[in-house]
Structures are given as structure tokens and as C-alpha cells.
N, C-alpha and C. Protein backbone atom coordinates (compact mmCIF):
# COMPACT_ATOMS: atom_id res chain seq x y z
N UNK A 1 0.83 -1.19 0.00
CA UNK A 1 0.00 0.00 0.00
C UNK A 1 0.87 1.25 0.00
N UNK A 2 1.98 1.22 0.70
CA UNK A 2 2.84 2.39 0.76
C UNK A 2 3.52 2.65 -0.58
N UNK A 3 3.91 1.60 -1.27
CA UNK A 3 4.55 1.76 -2.59
C UNK A 3 3.55 2.31 -3.59
N UNK A 4 2.29 1.85 -3.52
CA UNK A 4 1.27 2.35 -4.42
C UNK A 4 1.00 3.83 -4.16
N UNK A 5 0.94 4.20 -2.89
CA UNK A 5 0.70 5.61 -2.54
C UNK A 5 1.86 6.48 -3.01
N UNK A 6 3.07 5.99 -2.86
CA UNK A 6 4.23 6.75 -3.32
C UNK A 6 4.21 6.91 -4.84
N UNK A 7 3.81 5.88 -5.55
CA UNK A 7 3.71 5.95 -7.01
C UNK A 7 2.65 6.96 -7.44
N UNK A 8 1.50 6.95 -6.78
CA UNK A 8 0.44 7.90 -7.11
C UNK A 8 0.88 9.33 -6.81
N UNK A 9 1.58 9.52 -5.71
CA UNK A 9 2.08 10.85 -5.36
C UNK A 9 3.08 11.34 -6.41
N UNK A 10 3.94 10.46 -6.86
CA UNK A 10 4.92 10.83 -7.88
C UNK A 10 4.23 11.19 -9.19
N UNK A 11 3.20 10.45 -9.55
CA UNK A 11 2.47 10.76 -10.78
C UNK A 11 1.77 12.11 -10.67
N UNK A 12 1.13 12.39 -9.55
CA UNK A 12 0.48 13.69 -9.36
C UNK A 12 1.51 14.81 -9.34
N UNK A 13 2.65 14.59 -8.73
CA UNK A 13 3.68 15.62 -8.67
C UNK A 13 4.25 15.91 -10.05
N UNK A 14 4.38 14.89 -10.90
CA UNK A 14 4.85 15.10 -12.26
C UNK A 14 3.91 16.04 -13.01
N UNK A 15 2.61 15.76 -12.96
CA UNK A 15 1.66 16.60 -13.68
C UNK A 15 1.59 17.99 -13.08
N UNK A 16 1.72 18.10 -11.77
CA UNK A 16 1.76 19.41 -11.12
C UNK A 16 2.95 20.22 -11.62
N UNK A 17 4.12 19.60 -11.66
CA UNK A 17 5.31 20.29 -12.14
C UNK A 17 5.18 20.65 -13.62
N UNK A 18 4.65 19.75 -14.40
CA UNK A 18 4.48 20.04 -15.83
C UNK A 18 3.57 21.24 -16.03
N UNK A 19 2.50 21.29 -15.30
CA UNK A 19 1.56 22.40 -15.45
C UNK A 19 2.15 23.71 -14.95
N UNK A 20 2.67 23.71 -13.73
CA UNK A 20 3.09 24.97 -13.15
C UNK A 20 4.45 25.45 -13.63
N UNK A 21 5.29 24.57 -14.08
CA UNK A 21 6.61 25.01 -14.55
C UNK A 21 6.57 25.33 -16.03
N UNK A 22 6.02 24.47 -16.84
CA UNK A 22 6.03 24.69 -18.29
C UNK A 22 4.87 25.54 -18.77
N UNK A 23 3.66 25.16 -18.43
CA UNK A 23 2.52 25.84 -19.00
C UNK A 23 2.31 27.23 -18.43
N UNK A 24 2.58 27.45 -17.17
CA UNK A 24 2.43 28.79 -16.62
C UNK A 24 3.45 29.72 -17.25
N UNK A 25 4.66 29.25 -17.48
CA UNK A 25 5.65 30.08 -18.17
C UNK A 25 5.25 30.31 -19.62
N UNK A 26 4.58 29.34 -20.23
CA UNK A 26 4.14 29.51 -21.62
C UNK A 26 3.00 30.51 -21.71
N UNK A 27 2.14 30.51 -20.71
CA UNK A 27 1.04 31.47 -20.73
C UNK A 27 1.59 32.88 -20.60
N UNK A 28 2.56 33.04 -19.70
CA UNK A 28 3.21 34.35 -19.55
C UNK A 28 2.24 35.44 -19.15
N UNK A 29 2.28 36.54 -19.86
CA UNK A 29 1.44 37.68 -19.52
C UNK A 29 0.19 37.75 -20.38
N UNK A 30 0.06 36.90 -21.38
CA UNK A 30 -1.05 36.96 -22.30
C UNK A 30 -1.96 35.75 -22.12
N UNK A 31 -2.75 35.76 -21.07
CA UNK A 31 -3.61 34.63 -20.76
C UNK A 31 -4.71 34.48 -21.80
N UNK A 32 -5.31 35.56 -22.20
CA UNK A 32 -6.41 35.51 -23.16
C UNK A 32 -5.91 35.01 -24.51
N UNK A 33 -4.78 35.52 -24.96
CA UNK A 33 -4.23 35.07 -26.24
C UNK A 33 -3.85 33.60 -26.21
N UNK A 34 -3.30 33.15 -25.09
CA UNK A 34 -2.93 31.74 -24.96
C UNK A 34 -4.16 30.84 -25.02
N UNK A 35 -5.22 31.21 -24.31
CA UNK A 35 -6.43 30.38 -24.32
C UNK A 35 -7.10 30.39 -25.69
N UNK A 36 -7.06 31.52 -26.39
CA UNK A 36 -7.64 31.56 -27.73
C UNK A 36 -6.88 30.64 -28.67
N UNK A 37 -5.57 30.66 -28.59
CA UNK A 37 -4.76 29.78 -29.45
C UNK A 37 -5.02 28.32 -29.10
N UNK A 38 -5.11 28.00 -27.82
CA UNK A 38 -5.31 26.61 -27.41
C UNK A 38 -6.68 26.09 -27.82
N UNK A 39 -7.72 26.96 -27.83
CA UNK A 39 -9.04 26.49 -28.24
C UNK A 39 -9.20 26.44 -29.75
N UNK A 40 -8.52 27.32 -30.46
CA UNK A 40 -8.66 27.32 -31.92
C UNK A 40 -7.75 26.28 -32.58
N UNK A 41 -6.53 26.11 -32.05
CA UNK A 41 -5.60 25.14 -32.63
C UNK A 41 -4.78 24.48 -31.51
N UNK A 42 -5.33 23.43 -30.88
CA UNK A 42 -4.63 22.81 -29.75
C UNK A 42 -3.31 22.15 -30.12
N UNK A 43 -3.12 21.82 -31.39
CA UNK A 43 -1.87 21.19 -31.79
C UNK A 43 -0.73 22.18 -31.95
N UNK A 44 -1.00 23.45 -31.71
CA UNK A 44 0.06 24.46 -31.82
C UNK A 44 0.78 24.67 -30.50
N UNK A 45 0.52 23.83 -29.50
CA UNK A 45 1.18 23.98 -28.20
C UNK A 45 2.70 23.94 -28.30
N UNK A 46 3.32 23.03 -29.07
CA UNK A 46 4.78 23.08 -29.18
C UNK A 46 5.30 24.40 -29.75
N UNK A 47 4.58 24.97 -30.70
CA UNK A 47 4.99 26.25 -31.25
C UNK A 47 4.86 27.39 -30.25
N UNK A 48 3.78 27.35 -29.48
CA UNK A 48 3.59 28.38 -28.45
C UNK A 48 4.68 28.26 -27.39
N UNK A 49 4.98 27.04 -26.99
CA UNK A 49 6.07 26.84 -26.02
C UNK A 49 7.40 27.31 -26.59
N UNK A 50 7.64 27.04 -27.85
CA UNK A 50 8.90 27.46 -28.47
C UNK A 50 9.00 28.97 -28.54
N UNK A 51 7.89 29.66 -28.66
CA UNK A 51 7.92 31.12 -28.72
C UNK A 51 8.04 31.78 -27.35
N UNK A 52 7.41 31.20 -26.33
CA UNK A 52 7.34 31.87 -25.04
C UNK A 52 8.37 31.40 -24.02
N UNK A 53 8.80 30.16 -24.08
CA UNK A 53 9.74 29.67 -23.06
C UNK A 53 11.12 30.32 -23.11
N UNK A 54 11.65 30.73 -24.27
CA UNK A 54 12.97 31.37 -24.22
C UNK A 54 13.02 32.65 -23.38
N UNK A 55 11.89 33.32 -23.23
CA UNK A 55 11.90 34.52 -22.40
C UNK A 55 12.00 34.18 -20.92
N UNK A 56 11.71 32.95 -20.55
CA UNK A 56 11.80 32.53 -19.15
C UNK A 56 13.03 31.68 -18.88
N UNK A 57 13.99 31.69 -19.79
CA UNK A 57 15.16 30.83 -19.66
C UNK A 57 15.97 31.14 -18.41
N UNK A 58 16.09 32.42 -18.06
CA UNK A 58 16.88 32.78 -16.88
C UNK A 58 16.30 32.15 -15.62
N UNK A 59 14.98 32.04 -15.55
CA UNK A 59 14.36 31.40 -14.40
C UNK A 59 14.74 29.92 -14.33
N UNK A 60 14.70 29.24 -15.46
CA UNK A 60 15.00 27.82 -15.47
C UNK A 60 16.48 27.56 -15.18
N UNK A 61 17.35 28.43 -15.65
CA UNK A 61 18.77 28.25 -15.36
C UNK A 61 19.04 28.44 -13.86
N UNK A 62 18.41 29.42 -13.24
CA UNK A 62 18.54 29.60 -11.79
C UNK A 62 17.94 28.43 -11.04
N UNK A 63 16.84 27.92 -11.54
CA UNK A 63 16.18 26.77 -10.92
C UNK A 63 17.10 25.55 -10.93
N UNK A 64 17.77 25.31 -12.06
CA UNK A 64 18.68 24.17 -12.15
C UNK A 64 19.86 24.33 -11.20
N UNK A 65 20.43 25.51 -11.13
CA UNK A 65 21.57 25.74 -10.25
C UNK A 65 21.15 25.54 -8.79
N UNK A 66 19.97 26.03 -8.43
CA UNK A 66 19.51 25.84 -7.06
C UNK A 66 19.24 24.37 -6.75
N UNK A 67 18.75 23.62 -7.71
CA UNK A 67 18.54 22.19 -7.49
C UNK A 67 19.87 21.48 -7.29
N UNK A 68 20.86 21.82 -8.10
CA UNK A 68 22.19 21.20 -7.94
C UNK A 68 22.79 21.56 -6.59
N UNK A 69 22.64 22.81 -6.18
CA UNK A 69 23.18 23.24 -4.89
C UNK A 69 22.48 22.52 -3.75
N UNK A 70 21.19 22.40 -3.84
CA UNK A 70 20.43 21.70 -2.80
C UNK A 70 20.85 20.24 -2.71
N UNK A 71 21.01 19.59 -3.84
CA UNK A 71 21.43 18.19 -3.82
C UNK A 71 22.84 18.03 -3.27
N UNK A 72 23.71 18.98 -3.61
CA UNK A 72 25.09 18.93 -3.06
C UNK A 72 25.07 19.10 -1.55
N UNK A 73 24.25 20.00 -1.04
CA UNK A 73 24.15 20.18 0.41
C UNK A 73 23.56 18.95 1.09
N UNK A 74 22.60 18.31 0.45
CA UNK A 74 22.05 17.09 1.02
C UNK A 74 23.10 15.99 1.05
N UNK A 75 23.89 15.89 -0.01
CA UNK A 75 24.92 14.85 -0.04
C UNK A 75 26.01 15.08 0.99
N UNK A 76 26.28 16.33 1.35
CA UNK A 76 27.29 16.60 2.38
C UNK A 76 26.74 16.47 3.79
N UNK A 77 25.43 16.34 3.92
CA UNK A 77 24.76 16.19 5.23
C UNK A 77 25.18 17.31 6.17
N UNK A 78 24.86 18.51 5.78
CA UNK A 78 25.30 19.70 6.50
C UNK A 78 24.63 19.88 7.85
N UNK A 79 23.61 19.10 8.17
CA UNK A 79 22.95 19.24 9.48
C UNK A 79 23.57 18.28 10.47
């Protein structure tokens, strides 16, 4: 039961991260334009991501560095 619960939690966390990290950055400041594009042509999502995600690259680079730093601190057992 514990392994199943852990698997379900991991699956929910994956979709949560996908939505809040990728799609929120893709929406950016133009929520209405993003929803119009998604309802008129849902297969254009890769193109929309390709257009909007480069403007948020600095956030993702900082995010990666912080993840590496956090993992390094955990491996050194600083507490």
C-alpha cells in the first residue's frame, strides 16, 4: 500500500510540475491570447512553447543551479 501511494504521489507531482513550470511560463502575460490559441488550434502547443519559453530561460537556469546546490548540500549532510 505504501509503494502504491508513493507511485500515485509521484504521478500527481509530475503533472503538477508540468503544469506549473512549463505551461504557466508559456502562458506568460497573455492569458487571453494563450487560451484563444489553445481552443482554436490545440496542436500548436509546441509552437507556443517554443515562442514563449525562451523569455523565461533565466528562471530555469537559476532553478537548475539551485537544485544542484540543494542536492550537493544534502549529499554533504550539512545538518
